[in-house]
Amino acid sequence: MKLRRMYLSIHALDWFDLTPGGRTVTQHEQFPGRCELGYRNDVKLKEKVYQLMRAAKEDQGIFILPVGRRTPTRDDMDPESQALIAFAEQHFGPRCVVCRYDADWNQIRQVLGECCEPFFNGLEEDRRQAMTNRGLPERELAATYQTAPEFRAWALSKAWVFDLTRQLEERGFTFDPADAEFVVWGGDWSYCSATYSIHMARAFGLAKPMKRSFDLIDRSCGPMLLQATVVEDGLSMPDHMCLYIVKTKDDQYVAQCFEGIHGIMDHPHVVVVDFPPGSVTEVDLFGEPVERRTGIDRRPGRVVMSAGCGGHTRHKATLVRAETLSLDDFRSALRNGKVVECEW
């Protein structure tokens, strides 16, 4: 049976894994209030994703990358992940597929079985293509898929896709990459839900990016996004770029561009935008100004925005805040930006 919509749950509801007392542990409180705000955001997120699962149709399926999987069994998962999987299985039946491994390469090799050798040969071919296509020096990819961050992100994405697809097909279901709709939920905005959905879209061979909805993803990577509301939720741009605009708690508009489909062998992109001089500021996840990176020229008002590939790569999404522009003018300037390939 052909499925038309697939949900991809990436490490969802991980703030529930921390008890109320544990949410103040120093390693999680990376900025004041992060733990409590992250937990509150997950409470809202849980309501939304459970409603989507409750309304599942027969031509919809779900892929789950759970939080905390360390063994092929589910005993080591946090209770919230176990509950989410049980609920998904109840409403999707055999169309609910849970990845059988996390990031343990010994476990991955065991599950791959007889497919292990061709899979890793394919990764080596991807590495060769990356050096050729992107002009990367060999040292950039000389480390193995287990130690080089960007190569590891691609290798894990490809490994997860292999297992999820194989399990789905074994149950008699498939989807057409040319027209399948993928909707992502989980965490977090700048890291796992970005890195892996972008790379997995490439590994699945999708024709269009997965839908990353701002309100379905944990945004605890920074206080500005965590307390923002969405204005534009993934506007399409050339080369599968996705544009997001949010409104901060201080009523200021902030934009980011993300890759939609990307593998390690593909050129990343920047978006060159000509704003009126002095009308925007490049900021970090705390809303603090950062030194503007032009990279092309020093023309007043010109901003070169890196299209993010996820925080597990060096390609972080530039944040630009409107200072003197209306929303319409801000949006128009961004949509008229020029998408350019870069080699690094």
Foldseek 3Di string as FASTA:
>chain_A
DAAFEEEEEWAAPCLVLADPVRLVPPVNCPDPPLSVLLNVLSVLLVVVVLVVLQPDDQRYAYEYEHPQDDAQDCPRGRPVRVVVLVSNCVRHPLSYHYQRHHLDVVRLCVVCDPVNVVLVVVLVVLLVLLCVQLVDDCVQCVDDLSPNLQSVLLSRLLSRLVRRQVSQVVVPYDYDLARHAYEYARDADQARRQQNQQSNNQSVVHPAFHFYFLSRHRHSPADFSSQWAWDARFDAAPQRKTKTWIAGPVRWIKIWIAHRHDHSSDFFKKWKFADPAPFKFWADRHRHGDDADQPPDDPGRIGIFFHANHPSDPRGIIMMITDPDDPVRVVVRRRPTDIDTHSD
